[in-house]
């Protein structure tokens, strides 16, 4: 799958999650390519594009180890329960070395998860992960945005 198609699916997922949650779940969605000690922003939707790039390692926080050191299958995801402020709340593996970073730049995941509507809001997120398992983003097709 191309990054442009992935972005369309991500935008739809964001809309569906927010509709089920009755407010924005994640206000920041970014597709990044990581590898060789470097990262590249391929797509970004949110309020702080430059801040996202500049503060990536600090904002990765509790998810840093999972992003940089663990082996994951395409479609796998992790949540950081105690992310605060701009600290990332979740990531999903979209392809080999390609990740979706999800974040709410004001609320912590712990607060989001306390709302009972969070359970139904997760459904589109899991469905999105299944889409990428079936059709991953391919690095050679990712030309950035």
N, C-alpha and C. Protein backbone atom coordinates (compact mmCIF):
# COMPACT_ATOMS: atom_id res chain seq x y z
N UNK A 1 0.84 -1.17 0.00
CA UNK A 1 0.00 0.00 0.00
C UNK A 1 0.89 1.24 0.00
N UNK A 2 0.43 2.27 -0.65
CA UNK A 2 1.14 3.54 -0.69
C UNK A 2 0.77 4.39 0.53
N UNK A 3 1.64 5.30 0.90
CA UNK A 3 1.41 6.18 2.04
C UNK A 3 0.13 6.99 1.86
N UNK A 4 -0.14 7.44 0.65
CA UNK A 4 -1.34 8.23 0.41
C UNK A 4 -2.60 7.44 0.77
N UNK A 5 -2.64 6.17 0.40
CA UNK A 5 -3.79 5.31 0.73
C UNK A 5 -3.84 5.07 2.24
N UNK A 6 -2.70 4.86 2.85
CA UNK A 6 -2.66 4.67 4.30
C UNK A 6 -3.23 5.91 5.00
N UNK A 7 -2.86 7.08 4.52
CA UNK A 7 -3.37 8.32 5.13
C UNK A 7 -4.89 8.39 5.04
N UNK A 8 -5.45 8.01 3.90
CA UNK A 8 -6.92 8.00 3.76
C UNK A 8 -7.56 7.08 4.80
N UNK A 9 -6.99 5.89 4.96
CA UNK A 9 -7.53 4.94 5.94
C UNK A 9 -7.38 5.48 7.37
N UNK A 10 -6.26 6.12 7.65
CA UNK A 10 -6.01 6.69 8.97
C UNK A 10 -6.99 7.82 9.26
N UNK A 11 -7.23 8.68 8.28
CA UNK A 11 -8.18 9.78 8.46
C UNK A 11 -9.58 9.23 8.76
N UNK A 12 -9.98 8.21 8.02
CA UNK A 12 -11.29 7.59 8.25
C UNK A 12 -11.36 6.98 9.65
N UNK A 13 -10.29 6.32 10.06
CA UNK A 13 -10.24 5.73 11.39
C UNK A 13 -10.36 6.81 12.46
N UNK A 14 -9.64 7.91 12.30
CA UNK A 14 -9.68 9.01 13.26
C UNK A 14 -11.10 9.55 13.39
N UNK A 15 -11.78 9.71 12.27
CA UNK A 15 -13.15 10.21 12.28
C UNK A 15 -14.08 9.23 12.98
N UNK A 16 -13.94 7.95 12.68
CA UNK A 16 -14.80 6.93 13.29
C UNK A 16 -14.55 6.82 14.80
N UNK A 17 -13.28 6.87 15.19
CA UNK A 17 -12.97 6.79 16.63
C UNK A 17 -13.57 7.98 17.37
N UNK A 18 -13.39 9.17 16.82
CA UNK A 18 -13.91 10.38 17.46
C UNK A 18 -15.44 10.37 17.51
N UNK A 19 -16.08 9.86 16.47
CA UNK A 19 -17.55 9.77 16.46
C UNK A 19 -18.04 8.82 17.56
N UNK A 20 -17.36 7.69 17.72
CA UNK A 20 -17.77 6.72 18.75
C UNK A 20 -17.46 7.23 20.16
N UNK A 21 -16.39 8.00 20.29
CA UNK A 21 -15.96 8.52 21.59
C UNK A 21 -16.68 9.83 21.93
N UNK A 22 -17.32 10.41 20.93
CA UNK A 22 -18.07 11.66 21.04
C UNK A 22 -17.18 12.88 21.29
N UNK A 23 -15.91 12.74 21.05
CA UNK A 23 -14.93 13.83 21.03
C UNK A 23 -13.63 13.24 20.47
N UNK A 24 -12.67 14.09 20.23
CA UNK A 24 -11.43 13.65 19.61
C UNK A 24 -10.67 12.69 20.53
N UNK A 25 -10.30 11.54 19.99
CA UNK A 25 -9.49 10.58 20.75
C UNK A 25 -8.02 10.97 20.62
N UNK A 26 -7.53 11.02 19.40
CA UNK A 26 -6.15 11.42 19.14
C UNK A 26 -6.20 12.63 18.20
N UNK A 27 -5.51 13.70 18.56
CA UNK A 27 -5.48 14.88 17.70
C UNK A 27 -4.21 14.94 16.86
N UNK A 28 -3.39 13.92 16.98
CA UNK A 28 -2.13 13.86 16.24
C UNK A 28 -1.94 12.45 15.71
N UNK A 29 -1.76 12.35 14.38
CA UNK A 29 -1.55 11.08 13.71
C UNK A 29 -0.37 11.27 12.76
N UNK A 30 0.66 10.47 12.90
CA UNK A 30 1.84 10.63 12.05
C UNK A 30 2.32 9.28 11.56
N UNK A 31 2.71 9.23 10.30
CA UNK A 31 3.33 8.04 9.72
C UNK A 31 4.82 8.35 9.62
N UNK A 32 5.62 7.48 10.26
CA UNK A 32 7.07 7.69 10.26
C UNK A 32 7.77 6.42 9.79
N UNK A 33 8.91 6.62 9.14
CA UNK A 33 9.78 5.51 8.76
C UNK A 33 10.98 5.58 9.68
N UNK A 34 11.28 4.48 10.37
CA UNK A 34 12.41 4.41 11.28
C UNK A 34 13.36 3.33 10.81
N UNK A 35 14.64 3.64 10.87
CA UNK A 35 15.64 2.65 10.50
C UNK A 35 17.00 3.28 10.34
N UNK A 36 18.01 2.50 10.62
CA UNK A 36 19.37 2.97 10.47
C UNK A 36 19.69 4.16 11.37
N UNK A 37 19.05 4.20 12.52
CA UNK A 37 19.31 5.30 13.46
C UNK A 37 18.69 6.62 13.04
N UNK A 38 17.83 6.59 12.03
CA UNK A 38 17.21 7.82 11.54
C UNK A 38 15.70 7.63 11.44
N UNK A 39 15.02 8.72 11.41
CA UNK A 39 13.58 8.69 11.22
C UNK A 39 13.18 9.70 10.15
N UNK A 40 12.09 9.41 9.49
CA UNK A 40 11.58 10.30 8.46
C UNK A 40 10.07 10.39 8.59
N UNK A 41 9.56 11.61 8.64
CA UNK A 41 8.13 11.85 8.71
C UNK A 41 7.55 11.73 7.31
N UNK A 42 6.63 10.77 7.13
CA UNK A 42 6.04 10.54 5.81
C UNK A 42 4.69 11.22 5.64
N UNK A 43 3.96 11.36 6.75
CA UNK A 43 2.65 11.99 6.71
C UNK A 43 2.33 12.47 8.11
N UNK A 44 1.63 13.61 8.20
CA UNK A 44 1.32 14.16 9.52
C UNK A 44 -0.05 14.84 9.48
N UNK A 45 -0.85 14.57 10.49
CA UNK A 45 -2.12 15.25 10.70
C UNK A 45 -2.14 15.66 12.17
N UNK A 46 -2.17 16.93 12.43
CA UNK A 46 -2.20 17.38 13.81
C UNK A 46 -1.81 18.82 13.96
N UNK A 47 -1.72 19.28 15.22
CA UNK A 47 -1.51 20.70 15.49
C UNK A 47 -0.07 21.15 15.58
N UNK A 48 0.91 20.24 15.47
CA UNK A 48 2.30 20.67 15.74
C UNK A 48 3.34 19.92 14.91
N UNK A 49 3.25 20.04 13.63
CA UNK A 49 4.15 19.31 12.72
C UNK A 49 5.63 19.50 13.09
N UNK A 50 6.08 20.73 13.20
CA UNK A 50 7.51 20.97 13.50
C UNK A 50 7.86 20.50 14.91
N UNK A 51 6.98 20.74 15.86
CA UNK A 51 7.22 20.26 17.22
C UNK A 51 7.28 18.75 17.29
N UNK A 52 6.47 18.09 16.47
CA UNK A 52 6.48 16.63 16.42
C UNK A 52 7.86 16.14 15.99
N UNK A 53 8.38 16.70 14.91
CA UNK A 53 9.69 16.27 14.41
C UNK A 53 10.80 16.60 15.41
N UNK A 54 10.77 17.79 15.93
CA UNK A 54 11.82 18.27 16.82
C UNK A 54 11.87 17.47 18.13
N UNK A 55 10.71 17.09 18.65
CA UNK A 55 10.64 16.45 19.97
C UNK A 55 10.35 14.95 19.91
N UNK A 56 10.57 14.34 18.76
CA UNK A 56 10.17 12.94 18.56
C UNK A 56 10.71 12.01 19.65
N UNK A 57 12.00 12.04 19.90
CA UNK A 57 12.57 11.09 20.87
C UNK A 57 12.04 11.32 22.28
N UNK A 58 11.92 12.56 22.68
CA UNK A 58 11.39 12.86 24.01
C UNK A 58 9.92 12.45 24.11
N UNK A 59 9.15 12.73 23.07
CA UNK A 59 7.72 12.41 23.08
C UNK A 59 7.45 10.91 22.97
N UNK A 60 8.40 10.17 22.42
CA UNK A 60 8.22 8.71 22.33
C UNK A 60 8.11 8.10 23.72
N UNK A 61 8.77 8.70 24.69
CA UNK A 61 8.64 8.33 26.10
C UNK A 61 8.54 6.84 26.34
N UNK A 62 7.43 6.43 26.92
CA UNK A 62 7.22 5.03 27.31
C UNK A 62 7.16 4.09 26.11
N UNK A 63 6.88 4.63 24.94
CA UNK A 63 6.80 3.79 23.74
C UNK A 63 8.14 3.65 23.02
N UNK A 64 9.14 4.40 23.44
CA UNK A 64 10.43 4.42 22.74
C UNK A 64 11.01 3.02 22.60
N UNK A 65 11.05 2.27 23.68
CA UNK A 65 11.62 0.92 23.62
C UNK A 65 10.88 0.06 22.61
N UNK A 66 9.57 0.09 22.64
CA UNK A 66 8.79 -0.71 21.70
C UNK A 66 9.01 -0.30 20.26
N UNK A 67 9.12 0.99 20.04
CA UNK A 67 9.35 1.50 18.69
C UNK A 67 10.72 1.14 18.15
N UNK A 68 11.73 1.27 19.00
CA UNK A 68 13.11 1.17 18.53
C UNK A 68 13.78 -0.18 18.76
N UNK A 69 13.29 -0.95 19.71
CA UNK A 69 14.04 -2.14 20.09
C UNK A 69 13.30 -3.46 19.94
N UNK A 70 12.00 -3.45 19.90
CA UNK A 70 11.25 -4.70 19.83
C UNK A 70 10.94 -5.06 18.38
N UNK A 71 10.85 -6.34 18.15
CA UNK A 71 10.41 -6.84 16.85
C UNK A 71 8.88 -6.92 16.88
N UNK A 72 8.26 -6.39 15.85
CA UNK A 72 6.81 -6.40 15.77
C UNK A 72 6.37 -6.96 14.44
N UNK A 73 5.18 -7.50 14.44
CA UNK A 73 4.54 -7.91 13.20
C UNK A 73 3.72 -6.74 12.67
N UNK A 74 3.53 -6.70 11.38
CA UNK A 74 2.70 -5.66 10.78
C UNK A 74 1.30 -5.77 11.36
N UNK A 75 0.77 -4.62 11.76
CA UNK A 75 -0.55 -4.56 12.39
C UNK A 75 -0.50 -4.54 13.90
N UNK A 76 0.64 -4.91 14.48
CA UNK A 76 0.77 -4.86 15.94
C UNK A 76 0.69 -3.42 16.41
N UNK A 77 0.22 -3.23 17.63
CA UNK A 77 0.17 -1.89 18.21
C UNK A 77 0.41 -1.96 19.70
N UNK A 78 0.80 -0.82 20.26
CA UNK A 78 1.01 -0.68 21.70
C UNK A 78 0.44 0.64 22.15
N UNK A 79 -0.04 0.67 23.39
CA UNK A 79 -0.52 1.89 24.02
C UNK A 79 0.36 2.20 25.23
N UNK A 80 0.57 3.47 25.47
CA UNK A 80 1.26 3.92 26.69
C UNK A 80 0.18 4.48 27.60
N UNK A 81 -0.08 3.83 28.69
CA UNK A 81 -1.18 4.22 29.57
C UNK A 81 -0.95 5.55 30.28
N UNK A 82 0.29 5.94 30.43
CA UNK A 82 0.56 7.12 31.25
C UNK A 82 1.23 8.25 30.48
N UNK A 83 1.03 8.30 29.18
CA UNK A 83 1.57 9.41 28.40
C UNK A 83 0.94 10.72 28.86
N UNK A 84 1.72 11.76 28.93
CA UNK A 84 1.24 13.05 29.39
C UNK A 84 1.58 14.11 28.35
N UNK A 85 0.66 15.03 28.11
CA UNK A 85 0.93 16.12 27.17
C UNK A 85 1.25 15.59 25.80
N UNK A 86 2.40 15.97 25.28
CA UNK A 86 2.75 15.57 23.92
C UNK A 86 3.39 14.18 23.85
N UNK A 87 3.52 13.49 24.99
CA UNK A 87 4.04 12.12 24.97
C UNK A 87 3.10 11.22 24.21
N UNK A 88 3.64 10.41 23.30
CA UNK A 88 2.82 9.57 22.42
C UNK A 88 1.99 8.57 23.21
N UNK A 89 0.75 8.39 22.77
CA UNK A 89 -0.16 7.45 23.42
C UNK A 89 -0.13 6.06 22.77
N UNK A 90 0.14 5.98 21.49
CA UNK A 90 0.07 4.68 20.81
C UNK A 90 0.91 4.68 19.53
N UNK A 91 1.28 3.47 19.14
CA UNK A 91 1.83 3.29 17.79
C UNK A 91 1.28 2.01 17.21
N UNK A 92 1.31 1.96 15.87
CA UNK A 92 0.88 0.78 15.13
C UNK A 92 1.92 0.54 14.04
N UNK A 93 2.24 -0.72 13.79
CA UNK A 93 3.18 -1.07 12.73
C UNK A 93 2.41 -1.15 11.41
N UNK A 94 2.80 -0.31 10.45
CA UNK A 94 2.11 -0.25 9.16
C UNK A 94 2.83 -1.05 8.08
N UNK A 95 4.12 -1.26 8.28
CA UNK A 95 4.94 -1.98 7.32
C UNK A 95 6.32 -2.13 7.94
N UNK A 96 7.25 -2.72 7.21
CA UNK A 96 8.60 -2.92 7.72
C UNK A 96 9.25 -1.56 7.99
N UNK A 97 9.45 -1.24 9.27
CA UNK A 97 10.08 0.01 9.66
C UNK A 97 9.18 1.23 9.52
N UNK A 98 7.89 1.03 9.27
CA UNK A 98 6.96 2.14 9.09
C UNK A 98 5.89 2.05 10.18
N UNK A 99 5.70 3.17 10.88
CA UNK A 99 4.83 3.20 12.05
C UNK A 99 3.85 4.35 11.98
N UNK A 100 2.68 4.12 12.56
CA UNK A 100 1.71 5.16 12.81
C UNK A 100 1.85 5.55 14.27
N UNK A 101 2.03 6.84 14.54
CA UNK A 101 2.10 7.35 15.90
C UNK A 101 0.79 8.08 16.16
N UNK A 102 0.15 7.77 17.28
CA UNK A 102 -1.12 8.40 17.66
C UNK A 102 -0.93 9.09 18.99
N UNK A 103 -1.52 10.27 19.10
CA UNK A 103 -1.31 11.06 20.30
C UNK A 103 -2.46 12.03 20.51
N UNK A 104 -2.74 12.31 21.76
CA UNK A 104 -3.60 13.44 22.11
C UNK A 104 -2.69 14.41 22.83
N UNK A 105 -2.50 15.58 22.27
CA UNK A 105 -1.49 16.51 22.77
C UNK A 105 -1.88 17.18 24.09
N UNK A 106 -3.10 16.93 24.58
CA UNK A 106 -3.53 17.53 25.85
C UNK A 106 -3.89 16.46 26.87
N UNK A 107 -4.68 15.48 26.48
CA UNK A 107 -5.12 14.43 27.40
C UNK A 107 -4.15 13.26 27.44
N UNK A 108 -4.09 12.60 28.59
CA UNK A 108 -3.29 11.39 28.74
C UNK A 108 -4.14 10.17 28.38
N UNK A 109 -3.50 9.12 27.91
CA UNK A 109 -4.19 7.88 27.56
C UNK A 109 -4.97 7.34 28.74
N UNK A 110 -4.43 7.48 29.92
CA UNK A 110 -5.11 7.02 31.13
C UNK A 110 -6.47 7.69 31.27
N UNK A 111 -6.54 8.98 31.00
CA UNK A 111 -7.80 9.72 31.07
C UNK A 111 -8.75 9.27 29.96
N UNK A 112 -8.24 9.12 28.76
CA UNK A 112 -9.05 8.68 27.63
C UNK A 112 -9.67 7.31 27.92
N UNK A 113 -8.86 6.40 28.44
CA UNK A 113 -9.30 5.02 28.68
C UNK A 113 -10.31 4.90 29.82
N UNK A 114 -10.41 5.88 30.68
CA UNK A 114 -11.38 5.82 31.79
C UNK A 114 -12.82 6.02 31.33
N UNK A 115 -12.99 6.64 30.17
CA UNK A 115 -14.33 6.86 29.64
C UNK A 115 -14.85 5.55 29.06
N UNK A 116 -16.05 5.12 29.44
CA UNK A 116 -16.59 3.85 28.91
C UNK A 116 -16.71 3.83 27.39
N UNK A 117 -16.82 4.99 26.76
CA UNK A 117 -16.91 5.04 25.30
C UNK A 117 -15.60 4.63 24.63
N UNK A 118 -14.50 4.59 25.39
CA UNK A 118 -13.22 4.18 24.85
C UNK A 118 -13.28 2.76 24.28
N UNK A 119 -14.05 1.90 24.90
CA UNK A 119 -14.14 0.51 24.42
C UNK A 119 -14.66 0.46 22.98
N UNK A 120 -15.71 1.20 22.68
CA UNK A 120 -16.23 1.17 21.31
C UNK A 120 -15.35 1.98 20.35
N UNK A 121 -14.65 2.99 20.87
CA UNK A 121 -13.76 3.79 20.03
C UNK A 121 -12.57 2.97 19.54
N UNK A 122 -12.22 1.91 20.24
CA UNK A 122 -11.08 1.09 19.85
C UNK A 122 -11.36 0.22 18.62
N UNK A 123 -12.62 -0.05 18.35
CA UNK A 123 -12.98 -0.95 17.25
C UNK A 123 -12.39 -0.49 15.92
N UNK A 124 -12.57 0.78 15.50
CA UNK A 124 -11.97 1.20 14.23
C UNK A 124 -10.44 1.10 14.23
N UNK A 125 -9.82 1.30 15.38
CA UNK A 125 -8.37 1.20 15.49
C UNK A 125 -7.91 -0.23 15.21
N UNK A 126 -8.60 -1.19 15.80
CA UNK A 126 -8.26 -2.61 15.58
C UNK A 126 -8.54 -2.99 14.13
N UNK A 127 -9.63 -2.49 13.58
CA UNK A 127 -9.93 -2.77 12.17
C UNK A 127 -8.85 -2.19 11.26
N UNK A 128 -8.34 -1.01 11.62
CA UNK A 128 -7.25 -0.41 10.85
C UNK A 128 -6.01 -1.29 10.90
N UNK A 129 -5.70 -1.82 12.07
CA UNK A 129 -4.53 -2.70 12.18
C UNK A 129 -4.68 -3.93 11.28
N UNK A 130 -5.90 -4.45 11.18
CA UNK A 130 -6.15 -5.59 10.31
C UNK A 130 -5.94 -5.23 8.84
N UNK A 131 -6.32 -4.01 8.47
CA UNK A 131 -6.12 -3.56 7.09
C UNK A 131 -4.64 -3.57 6.73
N UNK A 132 -3.80 -3.11 7.67
CA UNK A 132 -2.36 -3.06 7.39
C UNK A 132 -1.73 -4.45 7.44
N UNK A 133 -2.29 -5.37 8.23
CA UNK A 133 -1.80 -6.76 8.20
C UNK A 133 -2.00 -7.34 6.81
N UNK A 134 -3.17 -7.04 6.22
CA UNK A 134 -3.51 -7.57 4.90
C UNK A 134 -2.79 -6.86 3.76
N UNK A 135 -2.49 -5.57 3.95
CA UNK A 135 -1.89 -4.76 2.88
C UNK A 135 -0.96 -3.73 3.51
N UNK A 136 0.27 -4.12 3.85
CA UNK A 136 1.18 -3.20 4.54
C UNK A 136 1.69 -2.07 3.65
N UNK A 137 2.09 -1.00 4.32
CA UNK A 137 2.76 0.09 3.62
C UNK A 137 4.16 -0.39 3.27
N UNK A 138 4.56 -0.18 2.03
CA UNK A 138 5.86 -0.64 1.55
C UNK A 138 6.79 0.55 1.48
N UNK A 139 7.96 0.41 2.08
CA UNK A 139 8.93 1.51 2.17
C UNK A 139 9.27 2.09 0.81
N UNK A 140 9.45 1.28 -0.19
CA UNK A 140 9.79 1.77 -1.53
C UNK A 140 8.70 2.63 -2.13
N UNK A 141 7.47 2.47 -1.63
CA UNK A 141 6.34 3.26 -2.14
C UNK A 141 6.09 4.49 -1.30
N UNK A 142 6.83 4.64 -0.22
CA UNK A 142 6.59 5.77 0.68
C UNK A 142 7.46 6.93 0.24
N UNK A 143 6.87 7.92 -0.44
CA UNK A 143 7.67 9.04 -0.87
C UNK A 143 7.42 10.31 -0.07
N UNK A 144 6.81 10.22 1.06
CA UNK A 144 6.69 11.37 1.95
C UNK A 144 5.69 12.39 1.49
N UNK A 145 5.26 13.19 2.46
CA UNK A 145 4.28 14.24 2.20
C UNK A 145 4.64 15.45 2.98
